[in-house]
Amino acid sequence: MQILGIILTRYASSRFPGKALADIGGKPMLQRVYEQSKLSSFLSHLLVATDDERIADTCIELGIPVEMTSDYHRSGTDRCAEVSRKYPEYEAIVSIHCDEPFIMSNQIDILAKTLIQNSNADIATLAKFIESQEELDDPEIVKIVFGNNQEAIYMSRHPIPYFVHANKEEWLLRHQYYKHIGLYGFKRDTLLEVAALNVSYLETSENVEALRWIENDYNVKVALTDYDSIEINTPQDLEDLMSNRSNLS
């Protein structure tokens, strides 16, 4: 299966404008994401998709393949779909966000293998064990439940399931909760279809785009990963990252 990796990169950001170009140990963030993703053994081609000339110019200077896209997209998935139309030779697309400078190539490999090994999978995504009460209670961390067939049933910012007959402090002892890792792999035809869907009620309620696909009966296959995601959403996130990683290369 020929797989295209697309790193979604915007300059505009309400909390951290220009974060894709933020310096991390002498390299812009987008370069680190590209270099980490490039280590995947399953991507046939990897490029950056952006709507900003400053980012495109940086990519050209660094020798990173880049595609300019419309600046009117509702979501990164729509941006992915626009780019994928230019590359019909690829059967699957992995959508990679540019705010995870230390993304593990192993996570991309797991997604790719999930699509390759499951012919009925429309979309693949990742989940990781929740290990603390703080994670479980944090509405910024999306929780995911899936069936015995590893197909997503629902995602929520609230802990799910809700244990009626137990104190909240006991929930982690009674059930293995999972957090959603926002990395996606799409079959090409599926990507073009979901990009054309209207925003759904559940998606709007939880502010979780993947609920649009679940609500429209797409098969979202969930694979497990041991690796967490480290997202840079604010200048403080970057400052915290740099203070914890003194030996960047």
C-alpha atoms as a PDB file:
ATOM      1  CA  MET A   1       0.000   0.000   0.000  1.00  0.00           C
ATOM      2  CA  GLN A   2       1.369   3.402  -1.019  1.00  0.00           C
ATOM      3  CA  ILE A   3       0.945   5.822   1.902  1.00  0.00           C
ATOM      4  CA  LEU A   4       1.252   9.607   1.838  1.00  0.00           C
ATOM      5  CA  GLY A   5       2.167  11.466   5.032  1.00  0.00           C
ATOM      6  CA  ILE A   6       0.838  15.022   5.296  1.00  0.00           C
ATOM      7  CA  ILE A   7       2.098  17.363   8.029  1.00  0.00           C
ATOM      8  CA  LEU A   8      -0.643  19.937   8.625  1.00  0.00           C
ATOM      9  CA  THR A   9       0.899  23.322   9.309  1.00  0.00           C
ATOM     10  CA  ARG A  10      -0.708  26.716   9.848  1.00  0.00           C
ATOM     11  CA  TYR A  11       0.772  30.027  10.936  1.00  0.00           C
ATOM     12  CA  ALA A  12      -2.400  31.369  12.517  1.00  0.00           C
ATOM     13  CA  SER A  13      -3.020  30.143  16.055  1.00  0.00           C
ATOM     14  CA  SER A  14      -5.079  31.869  18.719  1.00  0.00           C
ATOM     15  CA  ARG A  15      -2.791  30.727  21.546  1.00  0.00           C
ATOM     16  CA  PHE A  16       0.593  30.600  19.774  1.00  0.00           C
ATOM     17  CA  PRO A  17       0.810  32.349  16.379  1.00  0.00           C
ATOM     18  CA  GLY A  18       3.666  31.078  14.235  1.00  0.00           C
ATOM     19  CA  LYS A  19       4.372  28.093  16.463  1.00  0.00           C
ATOM     20  CA  ALA A  20       5.313  25.931  13.464  1.00  0.00           C
ATOM     21  CA  LEU A  21       8.384  28.143  13.057  1.00  0.00           C
ATOM     22  CA  ALA A  22       9.211  28.317  16.766  1.00  0.00           C
ATOM     23  CA  ASP A  23      12.838  27.484  17.490  1.00  0.00           C
ATOM     24  CA  ILE A  24      13.417  24.213  19.329  1.00  0.00           C
ATOM     25  CA  GLY A  25      17.095  23.584  19.911  1.00  0.00           C
ATOM     26  CA  GLY A  26      18.161  25.417  16.771  1.00  0.00           C
ATOM     27  CA  LYS A  27      15.506  23.965  14.459  1.00  0.00           C
ATOM     28  CA  PRO A  28      11.990  25.198  13.649  1.00  0.00           C
ATOM     29  CA  MET A  29       9.290  22.939  15.034  1.00  0.00           C
ATOM     30  CA  LEU A  30       8.076  21.879  11.592  1.00  0.00           C
ATOM     31  CA  GLN A  31      11.574  20.606  10.739  1.00  0.00           C
ATOM     32  CA  ARG A  32      11.615  18.440  13.859  1.00  0.00           C
ATOM     33  CA  VAL A  33       8.195  17.014  13.032  1.00  0.00           C
ATOM     34  CA  TYR A  34       9.331  16.303   9.469  1.00  0.00           C
ATOM     35  CA  GLU A  35      12.562  14.617  10.575  1.00  0.00           C
ATOM     36  CA  GLN A  36      10.808  12.464  13.153  1.00  0.00           C
ATOM     37  CA  SER A  37       8.039  11.456  10.738  1.00  0.00           C
ATOM     38  CA  LYS A  38      10.553  10.725   7.992  1.00  0.00           C
ATOM     39  CA  LEU A  39      11.889   7.868  10.148  1.00  0.00           C
ATOM     40  CA  SER A  40       8.700   5.890   9.523  1.00  0.00           C
ATOM     41  CA  SER A  41       9.316   2.863   7.333  1.00  0.00           C
ATOM     42  CA  PHE A  42       5.749   2.895   5.983  1.00  0.00           C
ATOM     43  CA  LEU A  43       5.439   6.353   4.412  1.00  0.00           C
ATOM     44  CA  SER A  44       6.032   6.354   0.673  1.00  0.00           C
ATOM     45  CA  HIS A  45       6.167  10.150   0.581  1.00  0.00           C
ATOM     46  CA  LEU A  46       6.033  12.922   3.191  1.00  0.00           C
ATOM     47  CA  LEU A  47       5.211  16.601   2.734  1.00  0.00           C
ATOM     48  CA  VAL A  48       4.015  19.707   4.533  1.00  0.00           C
ATOM     49  CA  ALA A  49       0.619  21.250   3.744  1.00  0.00           C
ATOM     50  CA  THR A  50       0.182  24.922   4.636  1.00  0.00           C
ATOM     51  CA  ASP A  51      -1.786  28.038   3.772  1.00  0.00           C
ATOM     52  CA  ASP A  52       1.016  30.433   4.708  1.00  0.00           C
ATOM     53  CA  GLU A  53       3.843  31.670   2.492  1.00  0.00           C
ATOM     54  CA  ARG A  54       6.223  32.092   5.446  1.00  0.00           C
ATOM     55  CA  ILE A  55       5.943  28.413   6.264  1.00  0.00           C
ATOM     56  CA  ALA A  56       6.210  27.429   2.612  1.00  0.00           C
ATOM     57  CA  ASP A  57       9.367  29.548   2.213  1.00  0.00           C
ATOM     58  CA  THR A  58      10.917  27.900   5.281  1.00  0.00           C
ATOM     59  CA  CYS A  59      10.153  24.454   3.872  1.00  0.00           C
ATOM     60  CA  ILE A  60      11.777  25.352   0.556  1.00  0.00           C
ATOM     61  CA  GLU A  61      14.884  26.618   2.364  1.00  0.00           C
ATOM     62  CA  LEU A  62      15.092  23.355   4.320  1.00  0.00           C
ATOM     63  CA  GLY A  63      14.416  21.128   1.306  1.00  0.00           C
ATOM     64  CA  ILE A  64      11.107  19.882   2.689  1.00  0.00           C
ATOM     65  CA  PRO A  65       8.380  19.118   0.118  1.00  0.00           C
ATOM     66  CA  VAL A  66       5.471  21.524   0.587  1.00  0.00           C
ATOM     67  CA  GLU A  67       2.017  22.097  -0.882  1.00  0.00           C
ATOM     68  CA  MET A  68       0.100  25.353  -0.594  1.00  0.00           C
ATOM     69  CA  THR A  69      -3.581  24.973   0.264  1.00  0.00           C
ATOM     70  CA  SER A  70      -6.661  27.114   0.671  1.00  0.00           C
ATOM     71  CA  ASP A  71      -6.961  29.138   3.882  1.00  0.00           C
ATOM     72  CA  TYR A  72     -10.710  28.492   4.131  1.00  0.00           C
ATOM     73  CA  HIS A  73     -10.649  24.940   5.470  1.00  0.00           C
ATOM     74  CA  ARG A  74     -12.790  24.099   8.504  1.00  0.00           C
ATOM     75  CA  SER A  75     -10.330  21.473   9.724  1.00  0.00           C
ATOM     76  CA  GLY A  76      -7.027  19.765   9.097  1.00  0.00           C
ATOM     77  CA  THR A  77      -8.912  16.856   7.554  1.00  0.00           C
ATOM     78  CA  ASP A  78     -10.266  19.166   4.855  1.00  0.00           C
ATOM     79  CA  ARG A  79      -6.718  20.394   4.182  1.00  0.00           C
ATOM     80  CA  CYS A  80      -5.543  16.780   3.901  1.00  0.00           C
ATOM     81  CA  ALA A  81      -8.291  16.022   1.422  1.00  0.00           C
ATOM     82  CA  GLU A  82      -7.318  18.971  -0.788  1.00  0.00           C
ATOM     83  CA  VAL A  83      -3.713  17.761  -0.960  1.00  0.00           C
ATOM     84  CA  SER A  84      -4.662  14.117  -1.483  1.00  0.00           C
ATOM     85  CA  ARG A  85      -6.586  15.044  -4.640  1.00  0.00           C
ATOM     86  CA  LYS A  86      -3.253  16.071  -6.146  1.00  0.00           C
ATOM     87  CA  TYR A  87      -1.736  12.664  -5.336  1.00  0.00           C
ATOM     88  CA  PRO A  88      -4.208  10.008  -6.556  1.00  0.00           C
ATOM     89  CA  GLU A  89      -1.474   7.354  -6.671  1.00  0.00           C
ATOM     90  CA  TYR A  90      -1.513   7.015  -2.867  1.00  0.00           C
ATOM     91  CA  GLU A  91      -4.027   4.565  -1.375  1.00  0.00           C
ATOM     92  CA  ALA A  92      -3.851   5.905   2.172  1.00  0.00           C
ATOM     93  CA  ILE A  93      -2.991   9.146   3.928  1.00  0.00           C
ATOM     94  CA  VAL A  94      -1.581   9.729   7.409  1.00  0.00           C
ATOM     95  CA  SER A  95      -2.469  13.110   8.882  1.00  0.00           C
ATOM     96  CA  ILE A  96       0.283  14.509  11.140  1.00  0.00           C
ATOM     97  CA  HIS A  97      -0.019  17.657  13.239  1.00  0.00           C
ATOM     98  CA  CYS A  98       2.881  20.096  13.336  1.00  0.00           C
ATOM     99  CA  ASP A  99       2.620  20.774  17.064  1.00  0.00           C
ATOM    100  CA  GLU A 100       4.215  17.469  18.144  1.00  0.00           C
ATOM    101  CA  PRO A 101       7.965  17.972  17.593  1.00  0.00           C
ATOM    102  CA  PHE A 102       8.859  14.624  19.174  1.00  0.00           C
ATOM    103  CA  ILE A 103       6.293  12.445  17.470  1.00  0.00           C
ATOM    104  CA  MET A 104       7.455   8.835  17.409  1.00  0.00           C
ATOM    105  CA  SER A 105       7.790   7.271  13.968  1.00  0.00           C
ATOM    106  CA  ASN A 106       6.600   4.050  15.608  1.00  0.00           C
ATOM    107  CA  GLN A 107       3.181   5.655  16.057  1.00  0.00           C
ATOM    108  CA  ILE A 108       2.956   6.323  12.327  1.00  0.00           C
ATOM    109  CA  ASP A 109       4.030   2.739  11.642  1.00  0.00           C
ATOM    110  CA  ILE A 110       1.290   1.390  13.927  1.00  0.00           C
ATOM    111  CA  LEU A 111      -1.333   3.461  12.095  1.00  0.00           C
ATOM    112  CA  ALA A 112      -0.095   2.313   8.705  1.00  0.00           C
ATOM    113  CA  LYS A 113      -0.033  -1.354   9.739  1.00  0.00           C
ATOM    114  CA  THR A 114      -3.559  -1.040  11.126  1.00  0.00           C
ATOM    115  CA  LEU A 115      -4.840   0.167   7.751  1.00  0.00           C
ATOM    116  CA  ILE A 116      -2.869  -2.453   5.838  1.00  0.00           C
ATOM    117  CA  GLN A 117      -3.915  -5.375   8.034  1.00  0.00           C
ATOM    118  CA  ASN A 118      -7.610  -4.453   8.357  1.00  0.00           C
ATOM    119  CA  SER A 119      -9.313  -4.270   4.997  1.00  0.00           C
ATOM    120  CA  ASN A 120     -12.576  -3.143   6.636  1.00  0.00           C
ATOM    121  CA  ALA A 121     -10.948  -0.198   8.420  1.00  0.00           C
ATOM    122  CA  ASP A 122     -11.870   3.192   6.962  1.00  0.00           C
ATOM    123  CA  ILE A 123      -9.804   5.191   9.432  1.00  0.00           C
ATOM    124  CA  ALA A 124      -7.135   4.288  11.985  1.00  0.00           C
ATOM    125  CA  THR A 125      -6.238   6.150  15.146  1.00  0.00           C
ATOM    126  CA  LEU A 126      -4.341   5.595  18.396  1.00  0.00           C
ATOM    127  CA  ALA A 127      -5.108   5.251  22.087  1.00  0.00           C
ATOM    128  CA  LYS A 128      -2.972   5.035  25.208  1.00  0.00           C
ATOM    129  CA  PHE A 129      -3.630   3.903  28.782  1.00  0.00           C
ATOM    130  CA  ILE A 130      -4.677   6.648  31.182  1.00  0.00           C
ATOM    131  CA  GLU A 131      -2.441   6.334  34.207  1.00  0.00           C
ATOM    132  CA  SER A 132      -3.548   9.077  36.595  1.00  0.00           C
ATOM    133  CA  GLN A 133      -6.674  10.640  38.046  1.00  0.00           C
ATOM    134  CA  GLU A 134      -5.445  13.992  36.762  1.00  0.00           C
ATOM    135  CA  GLU A 135      -5.505  12.729  33.166  1.00  0.00           C
ATOM    136  CA  LEU A 136      -8.903  11.137  33.663  1.00  0.00           C
ATOM    137  CA  ASP A 137     -10.422  14.378  34.964  1.00  0.00           C
ATOM    138  CA  ASP A 138      -8.779  16.706  32.422  1.00  0.00           C
ATOM    139  CA  PRO A 139     -11.326  17.833  29.760  1.00  0.00           C
ATOM    140  CA  GLU A 140      -8.424  18.719  27.439  1.00  0.00           C
ATOM    141  CA  ILE A 141      -7.669  14.983  27.227  1.00  0.00           C
ATOM    142  CA  VAL A 142     -10.143  13.180  25.001  1.00  0.00           C
ATOM    143  CA  LYS A 143     -11.143   9.735  26.249  1.00  0.00           C
ATOM    144  CA  ILE A 144     -12.016   6.921  23.878  1.00  0.00           C
ATOM    145  CA  VAL A 145     -13.954   3.678  24.222  1.00  0.00           C
ATOM    146  CA  PHE A 146     -13.850   0.864  21.687  1.00  0.00           C
ATOM    147  CA  GLY A 147     -15.303  -2.604  21.294  1.00  0.00           C
ATOM    148  CA  ASN A 148     -13.725  -6.063  21.297  1.00  0.00           C
ATOM    149  CA  ASN A 149     -13.047  -5.578  17.588  1.00  0.00           C
ATOM    150  CA  GLN A 150     -10.960  -2.463  18.366  1.00  0.00           C
ATOM    151  CA  GLU A 151     -13.501  -0.214  16.605  1.00  0.00           C
ATOM    152  CA  ALA A 152     -14.187   3.172  18.188  1.00  0.00           C
ATOM    153  CA  ILE A 153     -17.592   3.506  19.839  1.00  0.00           C
ATOM    154  CA  TYR A 154     -17.342   7.010  21.282  1.00  0.00           C
ATOM    155  CA  MET A 155     -14.944   9.775  22.321  1.00  0.00           C
ATOM    156  CA  SER A 156     -15.569  12.287  25.085  1.00  0.00           C
ATOM    157  CA  ARG A 157     -13.894  14.921  27.202  1.00  0.00           C
ATOM    158  CA  HIS A 158     -15.689  13.373  30.160  1.00  0.00           C
ATOM    159  CA  PRO A 159     -14.483  10.086  31.672  1.00  0.00           C
ATOM    160  CA  ILE A 160     -16.267   7.203  29.970  1.00  0.00           C
ATOM    161  CA  PRO A 161     -17.657   4.854  31.133  1.00  0.00           C
ATOM    162  CA  TYR A 162     -19.287   6.413  34.199  1.00  0.00           C
ATOM    163  CA  PHE A 163     -19.356   4.031  37.150  1.00  0.00           C
ATOM    164  CA  VAL A 164     -22.662   4.549  38.962  1.00  0.00           C
ATOM    165  CA  HIS A 165     -21.860   2.337  41.946  1.00  0.00           C
ATOM    166  CA  ALA A 166     -18.327   3.549  42.705  1.00  0.00           C
ATOM    167  CA  ASN A 167     -16.649   6.706  43.926  1.00  0.00           C
ATOM    168  CA  LYS A 168     -14.803   8.590  41.197  1.00  0.00           C
ATOM    169  CA  GLU A 169     -11.482   7.978  42.945  1.00  0.00           C
ATOM    170  CA  GLU A 170     -12.030   4.231  42.436  1.00  0.00           C
ATOM    171  CA  TRP A 171     -12.705   4.335  38.707  1.00  0.00           C
ATOM    172  CA  LEU A 172      -9.113   3.733  37.604  1.00  0.00           C
ATOM    173  CA  LEU A 173      -9.025   0.664  39.846  1.00  0.00           C
ATOM    174  CA  ARG A 174     -12.165  -0.762  38.271  1.00  0.00           C
ATOM    175  CA  HIS A 175     -11.573  -0.041  34.588  1.00  0.00           C
ATOM    176  CA  GLN A 176      -8.767   0.569  32.108  1.00  0.00           C
ATOM    177  CA  TYR A 177      -9.422   4.006  30.653  1.00  0.00           C
ATOM    178  CA  TYR A 178      -7.835   5.193  27.409  1.00  0.00           C
ATOM    179  CA  LYS A 179      -6.866   8.611  26.114  1.00  0.00           C
ATOM    180  CA  HIS A 180      -7.122   9.369  22.424  1.00  0.00           C
ATOM    181  CA  ILE A 181      -3.914  10.228  20.568  1.00  0.00           C
ATOM    182  CA  GLY A 182      -4.896  12.563  17.721  1.00  0.00           C
ATOM    183  CA  LEU A 183      -3.057  10.911  14.857  1.00  0.00           C
ATOM    184  CA  TYR A 184      -5.130   9.564  11.957  1.00  0.00           C
ATOM    185  CA  GLY A 185      -4.682   7.314   8.976  1.00  0.00           C
ATOM    186  CA  PHE A 186      -7.312   7.324   6.221  1.00  0.00           C
ATOM    187  CA  LYS A 187      -8.078   5.163   3.232  1.00  0.00           C
ATOM    188  CA  ARG A 188      -7.974   7.681   0.395  1.00  0.00           C
ATOM    189  CA  ASP A 189     -11.622   7.325  -0.659  1.00  0.00           C
ATOM    190  CA  THR A 190     -12.714   7.621   2.966  1.00  0.00           C
ATOM    191  CA  LEU A 191     -10.757  10.847   3.430  1.00  0.00           C
ATOM    192  CA  LEU A 192     -12.479  12.449   0.458  1.00  0.00           C
ATOM    193  CA  GLU A 193     -15.880  11.300   1.739  1.00  0.00           C
ATOM    194  CA  VAL A 194     -15.520  12.500   5.338  1.00  0.00           C
ATOM    195  CA  ALA A 195     -14.194  15.875   4.201  1.00  0.00           C
ATOM    196  CA  ALA A 196     -17.526  16.395   2.433  1.00  0.00           C
ATOM    197  CA  LEU A 197     -19.642  15.594   5.506  1.00  0.00           C
ATOM    198  CA  ASN A 198     -21.481  18.300   7.383  1.00  0.00           C
ATOM    199  CA  VAL A 199     -20.363  19.085  10.917  1.00  0.00           C
ATOM    200  CA  SER A 200     -22.279  16.735  13.230  1.00  0.00           C
ATOM    201  CA  TYR A 201     -24.194  17.266  16.452  1.00  0.00           C
ATOM    202  CA  LEU A 202     -21.892  15.081  18.556  1.00  0.00           C
ATOM    203  CA  GLU A 203     -18.793  16.688  17.055  1.00  0.00           C
ATOM    204  CA  THR A 204     -20.061  20.139  17.992  1.00  0.00           C
ATOM    205  CA  SER A 205     -21.076  19.033  21.484  1.00  0.00           C
ATOM    206  CA  GLU A 206     -17.675  17.561  22.395  1.00  0.00           C
ATOM    207  CA  ASN A 207     -15.515  19.571  19.973  1.00  0.00           C
ATOM    208  CA  VAL A 208     -14.042  16.287  18.701  1.00  0.00           C
ATOM    209  CA  GLU A 209     -13.932  16.000  14.913  1.00  0.00           C
ATOM    210  CA  ALA A 210     -13.688  12.201  14.885  1.00  0.00           C
ATOM    211  CA  LEU A 211     -17.222  11.971  16.279  1.00  0.00           C
ATOM    212  CA  ARG A 212     -18.449  13.176  12.891  1.00  0.00           C
ATOM    213  CA  TRP A 213     -17.060  10.006  11.333  1.00  0.00           C
ATOM    214  CA  ILE A 214     -18.335   7.695  14.068  1.00  0.00           C
ATOM    215  CA  GLU A 215     -21.765   9.314  13.911  1.00  0.00           C
ATOM    216  CA  ASN A 216     -21.815   8.625  10.160  1.00  0.00           C
ATOM    217  CA  ASP A 217     -20.921   4.937  10.676  1.00  0.00           C
ATOM    218  CA  TYR A 218     -17.330   4.932   9.456  1.00  0.00           C
ATOM    219  CA  ASN A 219     -15.167   2.152  10.842  1.00  0.00           C
ATOM    220  CA  VAL A 220     -12.537   3.853  13.022  1.00  0.00           C
ATOM    221  CA  LYS A 221     -10.035   1.182  14.052  1.00  0.00           C
ATOM    222  CA  VAL A 222      -8.146   1.868  17.283  1.00  0.00           C
ATOM    223  CA  ALA A 223      -4.559   0.711  17.815  1.00  0.00           C
ATOM    224  CA  LEU A 224      -2.713   0.982  21.117  1.00  0.00           C
ATOM    225  CA  THR A 225       0.536   2.824  21.694  1.00  0.00           C
ATOM    226  CA  ASP A 226       2.844   3.102  24.686  1.00  0.00           C
ATOM    227  CA  TYR A 227       3.952   6.561  23.611  1.00  0.00           C
ATOM    228  CA  ASP A 228       2.228   9.752  24.704  1.00  0.00           C
ATOM    229  CA  SER A 229       1.915  12.854  22.556  1.00  0.00           C
ATOM    230  CA  ILE A 230       3.708  16.055  23.543  1.00  0.00           C
ATOM    231  CA  GLU A 231       1.786  18.950  22.005  1.00  0.00           C
ATOM    232  CA  ILE A 232       2.984  22.548  21.857  1.00  0.00           C
ATOM    233  CA  ASN A 233      -0.112  24.742  22.044  1.00  0.00           C
ATOM    234  CA  THR A 234       1.180  27.770  23.943  1.00  0.00           C
ATOM    235  CA  PRO A 235       4.496  29.588  24.513  1.00  0.00           C
ATOM    236  CA  GLN A 236       4.421  28.152  28.039  1.00  0.00           C
ATOM    237  CA  ASP A 237       4.254  24.609  26.604  1.00  0.00           C
ATOM    238  CA  LEU A 238       7.409  25.350  24.631  1.00  0.00           C
ATOM    239  CA  GLU A 239       9.150  26.844  27.654  1.00  0.00           C
ATOM    240  CA  ASP A 240       8.265  23.774  29.727  1.00  0.00           C
ATOM    241  CA  LEU A 241       9.509  21.472  26.969  1.00  0.00           C
ATOM    242  CA  MET A 242      12.834  23.261  26.661  1.00  0.00           C
ATOM    243  CA  SER A 243      13.391  23.181  30.416  1.00  0.00           C
ATOM    244  CA  ASN A 244      12.875  19.409  30.426  1.00  0.00           C
ATOM    245  CA  ARG A 245      14.985  18.630  27.349  1.00  0.00           C
ATOM    246  CA  SER A 246      18.441  20.121  27.683  1.00  0.00           C
ATOM    247  CA  ASN A 247      20.190  17.923  25.097  1.00  0.00           C
ATOM    248  CA  LEU A 248      18.352  18.587  21.858  1.00  0.00           C
ATOM    249  CA  SER A 249      20.086  17.730  18.594  1.00  0.00           C
END
